[in-house]
Amino acid sequence: MKGFPDELALCTGFEWDVGNADKNWEYHQVARGEAEGIFFNRPVVVAADLAHSERERRFAALGRTDQGRRLTVVFTVRATLVRVISARDMSRRERRIYEQTSSKK
């Protein structure tokens, strides 16, 4: 898939920092399963998050849950695991990007 990071294609699971998982629920009401689910539903749009990649390479994924909720998930890849950093509802701008990008596929 064009723009899909090679690291992500090799992943076999997810890794969660307990603090991040709790914060995603507390601030955004996004459960772990919802955040993970967008990686299995199509379309998913993934881009490098260059502004926040000083210490490790980060990515932002725009996608839909099984229930149709549109989420932005910021993550990194460690070995073969997706480590979710944050998950929240897409902003208006992100929804526009998601719709424009996914309609081209």
PDB file of N, CA and C in Angstrom:
ATOM      1  N   MET A   1       0.847  -1.172   0.000  1.00  0.00           N
ATOM      2  CA  MET A   1       0.000   0.000   0.000  1.00  0.00           C
ATOM      3  C   MET A   1       0.891   1.233   0.000  1.00  0.00           C
ATOM      4  N   LYS A   2       0.642   2.141  -0.895  1.00  0.00           N
ATOM      5  CA  LYS A   2       1.446   3.345  -0.993  1.00  0.00           C
ATOM      6  C   LYS A   2       1.375   4.155   0.304  1.00  0.00           C
ATOM      7  N   GLY A   3       2.534   4.586   0.798  1.00  0.00           N
ATOM      8  CA  GLY A   3       2.588   5.386   2.002  1.00  0.00           C
ATOM      9  C   GLY A   3       2.508   4.584   3.288  1.00  0.00           C
ATOM     10  N   PHE A   4       2.295   3.281   3.166  1.00  0.00           N
ATOM     11  CA  PHE A   4       2.194   2.413   4.336  1.00  0.00           C
ATOM     12  C   PHE A   4       3.610   2.061   4.772  1.00  0.00           C
ATOM     13  N   PRO A   5       4.000   2.410   5.988  1.00  0.00           N
ATOM     14  CA  PRO A   5       5.384   2.166   6.423  1.00  0.00           C
ATOM     15  C   PRO A   5       5.733   0.680   6.447  1.00  0.00           C
ATOM     16  N   ASP A   6       6.912   0.341   5.955  1.00  0.00           N
ATOM     17  CA  ASP A   6       7.360  -1.054   5.968  1.00  0.00           C
ATOM     18  C   ASP A   6       7.335  -1.632   7.370  1.00  0.00           C
ATOM     19  N   GLU A   7       7.723  -0.816   8.367  1.00  0.00           N
ATOM     20  CA  GLU A   7       7.736  -1.291   9.755  1.00  0.00           C
ATOM     21  C   GLU A   7       6.366  -1.785  10.188  1.00  0.00           C
ATOM     22  N   LEU A   8       5.330  -1.089   9.761  1.00  0.00           N
ATOM     23  CA  LEU A   8       3.971  -1.447  10.167  1.00  0.00           C
ATOM     24  C   LEU A   8       3.528  -2.755   9.518  1.00  0.00           C
ATOM     25  N   ALA A   9       3.924  -2.961   8.292  1.00  0.00           N
ATOM     26  CA  ALA A   9       3.537  -4.175   7.583  1.00  0.00           C
ATOM     27  C   ALA A   9       4.101  -5.427   8.247  1.00  0.00           C
ATOM     28  N   LEU A  10       5.177  -5.289   9.006  1.00  0.00           N
ATOM     29  CA  LEU A  10       5.821  -6.433   9.665  1.00  0.00           C
ATOM     30  C   LEU A  10       5.350  -6.649  11.100  1.00  0.00           C
ATOM     31  N   CYS A  11       4.447  -5.809  11.586  1.00  0.00           N
ATOM     32  CA  CYS A  11       4.011  -5.898  12.985  1.00  0.00           C
ATOM     33  C   CYS A  11       3.117  -7.108  13.225  1.00  0.00           C
ATOM     34  N   THR A  12       3.248  -7.646  14.434  1.00  0.00           N
ATOM     35  CA  THR A  12       2.496  -8.841  14.805  1.00  0.00           C
ATOM     36  C   THR A  12       1.568  -8.622  15.999  1.00  0.00           C
ATOM     37  N   GLY A  13       1.555  -7.403  16.540  1.00  0.00           N
ATOM     38  CA  GLY A  13       0.701  -7.148  17.695  1.00  0.00           C
ATOM     39  C   GLY A  13       0.856  -5.738  18.205  1.00  0.00           C
ATOM     40  N   PHE A  14       0.339  -5.519  19.411  1.00  0.00           N
ATOM     41  CA  PHE A  14       0.332  -4.197  20.011  1.00  0.00           C
ATOM     42  C   PHE A  14       1.005  -4.227  21.375  1.00  0.00           C
ATOM     43  N   GLU A  15       1.556  -3.084  21.739  1.00  0.00           N
ATOM     44  CA  GLU A  15       2.162  -2.895  23.050  1.00  0.00           C
ATOM     45  C   GLU A  15       1.568  -1.614  23.616  1.00  0.00           C
ATOM     46  N   TRP A  16       1.149  -1.669  24.871  1.00  0.00           N
ATOM     47  CA  TRP A  16       0.531  -0.508  25.501  1.00  0.00           C
ATOM     48  C   TRP A  16       1.270  -0.122  26.765  1.00  0.00           C
ATOM     49  N   ASP A  17       1.543   1.137  26.901  1.00  0.00           N
ATOM     50  CA  ASP A  17       1.988   1.705  28.156  1.00  0.00           C
ATOM     51  C   ASP A  17       0.709   1.941  28.962  1.00  0.00           C
ATOM     52  N   VAL A  18       0.654   1.421  30.150  1.00  0.00           N
ATOM     53  CA  VAL A  18      -0.573   1.512  30.955  1.00  0.00           C
ATOM     54  C   VAL A  18      -1.029   2.963  31.105  1.00  0.00           C
ATOM     55  N   GLY A  19      -0.090   3.865  31.333  1.00  0.00           N
ATOM     56  CA  GLY A  19      -0.437   5.275  31.491  1.00  0.00           C
ATOM     57  C   GLY A  19      -1.098   5.845  30.257  1.00  0.00           C
ATOM     58  N   ASN A  20      -0.573   5.507  29.077  1.00  0.00           N
ATOM     59  CA  ASN A  20      -1.166   6.003  27.839  1.00  0.00           C
ATOM     60  C   ASN A  20      -2.549   5.419  27.611  1.00  0.00           C
ATOM     61  N   ALA A  21      -2.709   4.149  27.880  1.00  0.00           N
ATOM     62  CA  ALA A  21      -4.018   3.515  27.697  1.00  0.00           C
ATOM     63  C   ALA A  21      -5.050   4.181  28.596  1.00  0.00           C
ATOM     64  N   ASP A  22      -4.677   4.426  29.843  1.00  0.00           N
ATOM     65  CA  ASP A  22      -5.594   5.082  30.775  1.00  0.00           C
ATOM     66  C   ASP A  22      -5.910   6.509  30.342  1.00  0.00           C
ATOM     67  N   LYS A  23      -4.892   7.248  29.891  1.00  0.00           N
ATOM     68  CA  LYS A  23      -5.114   8.634  29.453  1.00  0.00           C
ATOM     69  C   LYS A  23      -6.017   8.684  28.225  1.00  0.00           C
ATOM     70  N   ASN A  24      -5.827   7.758  27.284  1.00  0.00           N
ATOM     71  CA  ASN A  24      -6.677   7.752  26.091  1.00  0.00           C
ATOM     72  C   ASN A  24      -8.136   7.545  26.474  1.00  0.00           C
ATOM     73  N   TRP A  25      -8.372   6.701  27.464  1.00  0.00           N
ATOM     74  CA  TRP A  25      -9.745   6.488  27.913  1.00  0.00           C
ATOM     75  C   TRP A  25     -10.254   7.697  28.691  1.00  0.00           C
ATOM     76  N   GLU A  26      -9.443   8.173  29.634  1.00  0.00           N
ATOM     77  CA  GLU A  26      -9.865   9.280  30.495  1.00  0.00           C
ATOM     78  C   GLU A  26     -10.163  10.550  29.705  1.00  0.00           C
ATOM     79  N   TYR A  27      -9.287  10.909  28.772  1.00  0.00           N
ATOM     80  CA  TYR A  27      -9.447  12.174  28.055  1.00  0.00           C
ATOM     81  C   TYR A  27     -10.279  12.066  26.783  1.00  0.00           C
ATOM     82  N   HIS A  28     -10.275  10.900  26.138  1.00  0.00           N
ATOM     83  CA  HIS A  28     -10.915  10.790  24.822  1.00  0.00           C
ATOM     84  C   HIS A  28     -11.930   9.655  24.714  1.00  0.00           C
ATOM     85  N   GLN A  29     -12.103   8.864  25.779  1.00  0.00           N
ATOM     86  CA  GLN A  29     -13.005   7.718  25.779  1.00  0.00           C
ATOM     87  C   GLN A  29     -12.729   6.771  24.609  1.00  0.00           C
ATOM     88  N   VAL A  30     -11.435   6.531  24.365  1.00  0.00           N
ATOM     89  CA  VAL A  30     -11.022   5.572  23.339  1.00  0.00           C
ATOM     90  C   VAL A  30     -10.434   4.361  24.060  1.00  0.00           C
ATOM     91  N   ALA A  31     -11.066   3.214  23.869  1.00  0.00           N
ATOM     92  CA  ALA A  31     -10.586   1.967  24.462  1.00  0.00           C
ATOM     93  C   ALA A  31      -9.465   1.385  23.612  1.00  0.00           C
ATOM     94  N   ARG A  32      -8.675   0.531  24.214  1.00  0.00           N
ATOM     95  CA  ARG A  32      -7.557  -0.107  23.500  1.00  0.00           C
ATOM     96  C   ARG A  32      -8.037  -0.798  22.225  1.00  0.00           C
ATOM     97  N   GLY A  33      -9.080  -1.584  22.340  1.00  0.00           N
ATOM     98  CA  GLY A  33      -9.590  -2.328  21.183  1.00  0.00           C
ATOM     99  C   GLY A  33     -10.033  -1.426  20.047  1.00  0.00           C
ATOM    100  N   GLU A  34     -10.627  -0.289  20.379  1.00  0.00           N
ATOM    101  CA  GLU A  34     -11.026   0.662  19.336  1.00  0.00           C
ATOM    102  C   GLU A  34      -9.807   1.177  18.594  1.00  0.00           C
ATOM    103  N   ALA A  35      -8.792   1.604  19.344  1.00  0.00           N
ATOM    104  CA  ALA A  35      -7.576   2.146  18.729  1.00  0.00           C
ATOM    105  C   ALA A  35      -6.898   1.098  17.853  1.00  0.00           C
ATOM    106  N   GLU A  36      -6.815  -0.121  18.346  1.00  0.00           N
ATOM    107  CA  GLU A  36      -6.184  -1.200  17.581  1.00  0.00           C
ATOM    108  C   GLU A  36      -6.985  -1.524  16.325  1.00  0.00           C
ATOM    109  N   GLY A  37      -8.290  -1.440  16.426  1.00  0.00           N
ATOM    110  CA  GLY A  37      -9.165  -1.827  15.325  1.00  0.00           C
ATOM    111  C   GLY A  37      -8.981  -1.048  14.052  1.00  0.00           C
ATOM    112  N   ILE A  38      -8.578   0.212  14.154  1.00  0.00           N
ATOM    113  CA  ILE A  38      -8.461   0.994  12.912  1.00  0.00           C
ATOM    114  C   ILE A  38      -7.386   0.439  11.987  1.00  0.00           C
ATOM    115  N   PHE A  39      -6.420  -0.282  12.529  1.00  0.00           N
ATOM    116  CA  PHE A  39      -5.355  -0.832  11.697  1.00  0.00           C
ATOM    117  C   PHE A  39      -5.839  -2.007  10.847  1.00  0.00           C
ATOM    118  N   PHE A  40      -6.991  -2.570  11.190  1.00  0.00           N
ATOM    119  CA  PHE A  40      -7.532  -3.716  10.467  1.00  0.00           C
ATOM    120  C   PHE A  40      -8.658  -3.339   9.523  1.00  0.00           C
ATOM    121  N   ASN A  41      -9.167  -2.127   9.644  1.00  0.00           N
ATOM    122  CA  ASN A  41     -10.255  -1.666   8.791  1.00  0.00           C
ATOM    123  C   ASN A  41      -9.686  -0.802   7.673  1.00  0.00           C
ATOM    124  N   ARG A  42     -10.300  -0.893   6.515  1.00  0.00           N
ATOM    125  CA  ARG A  42      -9.862  -0.100   5.375  1.00  0.00           C
ATOM    126  C   ARG A  42     -10.952   0.870   4.997  1.00  0.00           C
ATOM    127  N   PRO A  43     -10.578   2.059   4.578  1.00  0.00           N
ATOM    128  CA  PRO A  43      -9.199   2.507   4.397  1.00  0.00           C
ATOM    129  C   PRO A  43      -8.589   2.995   5.714  1.00  0.00           C
ATOM    130  N   VAL A  44      -7.274   2.896   5.796  1.00  0.00           N
ATOM    131  CA  VAL A  44      -6.497   3.509   6.869  1.00  0.00           C
ATOM    132  C   VAL A  44      -5.419   4.334   6.192  1.00  0.00           C
ATOM    133  N   VAL A  45      -5.234   5.548   6.668  1.00  0.00           N
ATOM    134  CA  VAL A  45      -4.244   6.461   6.109  1.00  0.00           C
ATOM    135  C   VAL A  45      -3.146   6.639   7.147  1.00  0.00           C
ATOM    136  N   VAL A  46      -1.902   6.350   6.769  1.00  0.00           N
ATOM    137  CA  VAL A  46      -0.775   6.432   7.694  1.00  0.00           C
ATOM    138  C   VAL A  46       0.265   7.382   7.124  1.00  0.00           C
ATOM    139  N   ALA A  47       0.754   8.278   7.985  1.00  0.00           N
ATOM    140  CA  ALA A  47       1.796   9.219   7.577  1.00  0.00           C
ATOM    141  C   ALA A  47       2.810   9.367   8.703  1.00  0.00           C
ATOM    142  N   ALA A  48       4.042   9.663   8.328  1.00  0.00           N
ATOM    143  CA  ALA A  48       5.080   9.919   9.322  1.00  0.00           C
ATOM    144  C   ALA A  48       4.739  11.189  10.084  1.00  0.00           C
ATOM    145  N   ASP A  49       4.992  11.193  11.372  1.00  0.00           N
ATOM    146  CA  ASP A  49       4.790  12.362  12.227  1.00  0.00           C
ATOM    147  C   ASP A  49       6.162  12.972  12.486  1.00  0.00           C
ATOM    148  N   LEU A  50       6.648  13.696  11.500  1.00  0.00           N
ATOM    149  CA  LEU A  50       8.016  14.224  11.539  1.00  0.00           C
ATOM    150  C   LEU A  50       8.236  15.223  12.670  1.00  0.00           C
ATOM    151  N   ALA A  51       7.217  15.959  13.024  1.00  0.00           N
ATOM    152  CA  ALA A  51       7.356  16.976  14.075  1.00  0.00           C
ATOM    153  C   ALA A  51       7.617  16.369  15.444  1.00  0.00           C
ATOM    154  N   HIS A  52       7.248  15.104  15.631  1.00  0.00           N
ATOM    155  CA  HIS A  52       7.407  14.464  16.937  1.00  0.00           C
ATOM    156  C   HIS A  52       8.303  13.227  16.872  1.00  0.00           C
ATOM    157  N   SER A  53       9.202  13.192  15.906  1.00  0.00           N
ATOM    158  CA  SER A  53      10.044  12.012  15.706  1.00  0.00           C
ATOM    159  C   SER A  53      11.491  12.240  16.096  1.00  0.00           C
ATOM    160  N   GLU A  54      11.726  13.054  17.113  1.00  0.00           N
ATOM    161  CA  GLU A  54      13.113  13.345  17.489  1.00  0.00           C
ATOM    162  C   GLU A  54      13.829  12.108  18.025  1.00  0.00           C
ATOM    163  N   ARG A  55      13.204  11.403  18.978  1.00  0.00           N
ATOM    164  CA  ARG A  55      13.856  10.259  19.626  1.00  0.00           C
ATOM    165  C   ARG A  55      13.558   8.936  18.938  1.00  0.00           C
ATOM    166  N   GLU A  56      12.380   8.785  18.405  1.00  0.00           N
ATOM    167  CA  GLU A  56      12.014   7.586  17.660  1.00  0.00           C
ATOM    168  C   GLU A  56      11.002   7.975  16.595  1.00  0.00           C
ATOM    169  N   ARG A  57      10.942   7.189  15.550  1.00  0.00           N
ATOM    170  CA  ARG A  57      10.065   7.487  14.426  1.00  0.00           C
ATOM    171  C   ARG A  57       8.609   7.289  14.852  1.00  0.00           C
ATOM    172  N   ARG A  58       7.815   8.326  14.660  1.00  0.00           N
ATOM    173  CA  ARG A  58       6.395   8.263  14.999  1.00  0.00           C
ATOM    174  C   ARG A  58       5.547   8.399  13.750  1.00  0.00           C
ATOM    175  N   PHE A  59       4.348   7.864  13.857  1.00  0.00           N
ATOM    176  CA  PHE A  59       3.397   7.898  12.755  1.00  0.00           C
ATOM    177  C   PHE A  59       2.036   8.320  13.287  1.00  0.00           C
ATOM    178  N   ALA A  60       1.203   8.815  12.379  1.00  0.00           N
ATOM    179  CA  ALA A  60      -0.196   9.097  12.685  1.00  0.00           C
ATOM    180  C   ALA A  60      -1.038   8.273  11.718  1.00  0.00           C
ATOM    181  N   ALA A  61      -2.020   7.592  12.265  1.00  0.00           N
ATOM    182  CA  ALA A  61      -2.937   6.797  11.450  1.00  0.00           C
ATOM    183  C   ALA A  61      -4.338   7.381  11.581  1.00  0.00           C
ATOM    184  N   LEU A  62      -5.000   7.523  10.461  1.00  0.00           N
ATOM    185  CA  LEU A  62      -6.390   7.971  10.420  1.00  0.00           C
ATOM    186  C   LEU A  62      -7.215   6.786   9.949  1.00  0.00           C
ATOM    187  N   GLY A  63      -8.225   6.416  10.720  1.00  0.00           N
ATOM    188  CA  GLY A  63      -9.032   5.270  10.325  1.00  0.00           C
ATOM    189  C   GLY A  63     -10.350   5.206  11.071  1.00  0.00           C
ATOM    190  N   ARG A  64     -11.123   4.167  10.772  1.00  0.00           N
ATOM    191  CA  ARG A  64     -12.449   3.977  11.364  1.00  0.00           C
ATOM    192  C   ARG A  64     -12.484   2.718  12.217  1.00  0.00           C
ATOM    193  N   THR A  65     -13.240   2.811  13.296  1.00  0.00           N
ATOM    194  CA  THR A  65     -13.477   1.639  14.141  1.00  0.00           C
ATOM    195  C   THR A  65     -14.557   0.779  13.487  1.00  0.00           C
ATOM    196  N   ASP A  66     -14.812  -0.382  14.057  1.00  0.00           N
ATOM    197  CA  ASP A  66     -15.883  -1.238  13.548  1.00  0.00           C
ATOM    198  C   ASP A  66     -17.239  -0.544  13.627  1.00  0.00           C
ATOM    199  N   GLN A  67     -17.382   0.377  14.576  1.00  0.00           N
ATOM    200  CA  GLN A  67     -18.644   1.109  14.738  1.00  0.00           C
ATOM    201  C   GLN A  67     -18.688   2.386  13.894  1.00  0.00           C
ATOM    202  N   GLY A  68     -17.629   2.669  13.130  1.00  0.00           N
ATOM    203  CA  GLY A  68     -17.611   3.835  12.255  1.00  0.00           C
ATOM    204  C   GLY A  68     -17.030   5.095  12.876  1.00  0.00           C
ATOM    205  N   ARG A  69     -16.549   5.007  14.093  1.00  0.00           N
ATOM    206  CA  ARG A  69     -15.923   6.166  14.743  1.00  0.00           C
ATOM    207  C   ARG A  69     -14.598   6.455  14.051  1.00  0.00           C
ATOM    208  N   ARG A  70     -14.374   7.715  13.686  1.00  0.00           N
ATOM    209  CA  ARG A  70     -13.142   8.104  13.003  1.00  0.00           C
ATOM    210  C   ARG A  70     -12.109   8.545  14.033  1.00  0.00           C
ATOM    211  N   LEU A  71     -10.981   7.826  14.074  1.00  0.00           N
ATOM    212  CA  LEU A  71      -9.946   8.082  15.072  1.00  0.00           C
ATOM    213  C   LEU A  71      -8.612   8.453  14.444  1.00  0.00           C
ATOM    214  N   THR A  72      -7.850   9.223  15.197  1.00  0.00           N
ATOM    215  CA  THR A  72      -6.445   9.475  14.912  1.00  0.00           C
ATOM    216  C   THR A  72      -5.654   8.738  15.975  1.00  0.00           C
ATOM    217  N   VAL A  73      -4.744   7.891  15.538  1.00  0.00           N
ATOM    218  CA  VAL A  73      -3.903   7.128  16.455  1.00  0.00           C
ATOM    219  C   VAL A  73      -2.450   7.459  16.151  1.00  0.00           C
ATOM    220  N   VAL A  74      -1.757   8.010  17.137  1.00  0.00           N
ATOM    221  CA  VAL A  74      -0.328   8.288  17.015  1.00  0.00           C
ATOM    222  C   VAL A  74       0.394   7.100  17.627  1.00  0.00           C
ATOM    223  N   PHE A  75       1.399   6.599  16.897  1.00  0.00           N
ATOM    224  CA  PHE A  75       2.069   5.381  17.355  1.00  0.00           C
ATOM    225  C   PHE A  75       3.514   5.346  16.885  1.00  0.00           C
ATOM    226  N   THR A  76       4.248   4.426  17.457  1.00  0.00           N
ATOM    227  CA  THR A  76       5.593   4.107  17.013  1.00  0.00           C
ATOM    228  C   THR A  76       5.650   2.600  16.852  1.00  0.00           C
ATOM    229  N   VAL A  77       6.695   2.119  16.207  1.00  0.00           N
ATOM    230  CA  VAL A  77       6.875   0.678  16.052  1.00  0.00           C
ATOM    231  C   VAL A  77       8.121   0.289  16.824  1.00  0.00           C
ATOM    232  N   ARG A  78       7.968  -0.680  17.701  1.00  0.00           N
ATOM    233  CA  ARG A  78       9.094  -1.215  18.463  1.00  0.00           C
ATOM    234  C   ARG A  78       9.194  -2.696  18.148  1.00  0.00           C
ATOM    235  N   ALA A  79      10.282  -3.042  17.481  1.00  0.00           N
ATOM    236  CA  ALA A  79      10.485  -4.414  16.993  1.00  0.00           C
ATOM    237  C   ALA A  79       9.313  -4.755  16.086  1.00  0.00           C
ATOM    238  N   THR A  80       8.455  -5.684  16.479  1.00  0.00           N
ATOM    239  CA  THR A  80       7.303  -6.042  15.644  1.00  0.00           C
ATOM    240  C   THR A  80       5.983  -5.687  16.323  1.00  0.00           C
ATOM    241  N   LEU A  81       6.021  -4.689  17.213  1.00  0.00           N
ATOM    242  CA  LEU A  81       4.810  -4.290  17.923  1.00  0.00           C
ATOM    243  C   LEU A  81       4.473  -2.827  17.665  1.00  0.00           C
ATOM    244  N   VAL A  82       3.201  -2.556  17.483  1.00  0.00           N
ATOM    245  CA  VAL A  82       2.699  -1.183  17.388  1.00  0.00           C
ATOM    246  C   VAL A  82       2.521  -0.691  18.818  1.00  0.00           C
ATOM    247  N   ARG A  83       3.200   0.404  19.153  1.00  0.00           N
ATOM    248  CA  ARG A  83       3.057   0.993  20.489  1.00  0.00           C
ATOM    249  C   ARG A  83       2.247   2.266  20.341  1.00  0.00           C
ATOM    250  N   VAL A  84       1.025   2.223  20.823  1.00  0.00           N
ATOM    251  CA  VAL A  84       0.114   3.365  20.706  1.00  0.00           C
ATOM    252  C   VAL A  84       0.509   4.424  21.723  1.00  0.00           C
ATOM    253  N   ILE A  85       0.653   5.649  21.238  1.00  0.00           N
ATOM    254  CA  ILE A  85       1.005   6.778  22.095  1.00  0.00           C
ATOM    255  C   ILE A  85      -0.249   7.560  22.466  1.00  0.00           C
ATOM    256  N   SER A  86      -1.098   7.813  21.476  1.00  0.00           N
ATOM    257  CA  SER A  86      -2.357   8.494  21.767  1.00  0.00           C
ATOM    258  C   SER A  86      -3.410   8.094  20.747  1.00  0.00           C
ATOM    259  N   ALA A  87      -4.663   8.195  21.167  1.00  0.00           N
ATOM    260  CA  ALA A  87      -5.799   7.885  20.308  1.00  0.00           C
ATOM    261  C   ALA A  87      -6.930   8.822  20.679  1.00  0.00           C
ATOM    262  N   ARG A  88      -7.521   9.430  19.656  1.00  0.00           N
ATOM    263  CA  ARG A  88      -8.589  10.404  19.890  1.00  0.00           C
ATOM    264  C   ARG A  88      -9.434  10.513  18.633  1.00  0.00           C
ATOM    265  N   ASP A  89     -10.571  11.184  18.750  1.00  0.00           N
ATOM    266  CA  ASP A  89     -11.389  11.442  17.569  1.00  0.00           C
ATOM    267  C   ASP A  89     -10.634  12.349  16.618  1.00  0.00           C
ATOM    268  N   MET A  90     -10.848  12.140  15.315  1.00  0.00           N
ATOM    269  CA  MET A  90     -10.211  12.996  14.310  1.00  0.00           C
ATOM    270  C   MET A  90     -10.702  14.427  14.452  1.00  0.00           C
ATOM    271  N   SER A  91      -9.807  15.353  14.177  1.00  0.00           N
ATOM    272  CA  SER A  91     -10.187  16.764  14.092  1.00  0.00           C
ATOM    273  C   SER A  91     -10.903  16.990  12.756  1.00  0.00           C
ATOM    274  N   ARG A  92     -11.507  18.135  12.592  1.00  0.00           N
ATOM    275  CA  ARG A  92     -12.178  18.468  11.331  1.00  0.00           C
ATOM    276  C   ARG A  92     -11.188  18.388  10.163  1.00  0.00           C
ATOM    277  N   ARG A  93      -9.993  18.921  10.372  1.00  0.00           N
ATOM    278  CA  ARG A  93      -8.952  18.888   9.326  1.00  0.00           C
ATOM    279  C   ARG A  93      -8.556  17.451   8.996  1.00  0.00           C
ATOM    280  N   GLU A  94      -8.382  16.628  10.019  1.00  0.00           N
ATOM    281  CA  GLU A  94      -8.007  15.226   9.806  1.00  0.00           C
ATOM    282  C   GLU A  94      -9.114  14.460   9.083  1.00  0.00           C
ATOM    283  N   ARG A  95     -10.374  14.755   9.405  1.00  0.00           N
ATOM    284  CA  ARG A  95     -11.490  14.107   8.706  1.00  0.00           C
ATOM    285  C   ARG A  95     -11.460  14.454   7.227  1.00  0.00           C
ATOM    286  N   ARG A  96     -11.193  15.714   6.924  1.00  0.00           N
ATOM    287  CA  ARG A  96     -11.112  16.151   5.528  1.00  0.00           C
ATOM    288  C   ARG A  96      -9.981  15.415   4.798  1.00  0.00           C
ATOM    289  N   ILE A  97      -8.814  15.335   5.432  1.00  0.00           N
ATOM    290  CA  ILE A  97      -7.673  14.630   4.838  1.00  0.00           C
ATOM    291  C   ILE A  97      -8.020  13.155   4.631  1.00  0.00           C
ATOM    292  N   TYR A  98      -8.621  12.547   5.635  1.00  0.00           N
ATOM    293  CA  TYR A  98      -8.988  11.130   5.557  1.00  0.00           C
ATOM    294  C   TYR A  98      -9.952  10.885   4.401  1.00  0.00           C
ATOM    295  N   GLU A  99     -10.991  11.688   4.311  1.00  0.00           N
ATOM    296  CA  GLU A  99     -11.980  11.501   3.253  1.00  0.00           C
ATOM    297  C   GLU A  99     -11.366  11.727   1.872  1.00  0.00           C
ATOM    298  N   GLN A 100     -10.547  12.760   1.729  1.00  0.00           N
ATOM    299  CA  GLN A 100      -9.919  13.039   0.434  1.00  0.00           C
ATOM    300  C   GLN A 100      -8.940  11.938   0.047  1.00  0.00           C
ATOM    301  N   THR A 101      -8.140  11.498   0.982  1.00  0.00           N
ATOM    302  CA  THR A 101      -7.132  10.475   0.697  1.00  0.00           C
ATOM    303  C   THR A 101      -7.762   9.122   0.458  1.00  0.00           C
ATOM    304  N   SER A 102      -8.723   8.749   1.268  1.00  0.00           N
ATOM    305  CA  SER A 102      -9.322   7.422   1.130  1.00  0.00           C
ATOM    306  C   SER A 102     -10.206   7.316  -0.093  1.00  0.00           C
ATOM    307  N   SER A 103     -10.741   8.415  -0.595  1.00  0.00           N
ATOM    308  CA  SER A 103     -11.585   8.354  -1.797  1.00  0.00           C
ATOM    309  C   SER A 103     -10.751   8.167  -3.061  1.00  0.00           C
ATOM    310  N   LYS A 104      -9.437   8.433  -2.983  1.00  0.00           N
ATOM    311  CA  LYS A 104      -8.538   8.264  -4.124  1.00  0.00           C
ATOM    312  C   LYS A 104      -8.091   6.829  -4.297  1.00  0.00           C
ATOM    313  N   LYS A 105      -8.328   5.984  -3.289  1.00  0.00           N
ATOM    314  CA  LYS A 105      -7.822   4.601  -3.317  1.00  0.00           C
ATOM    315  C   LYS A 105      -8.788   3.677  -3.989  1.00  0.00           C
TER     316      LYS A 105
END
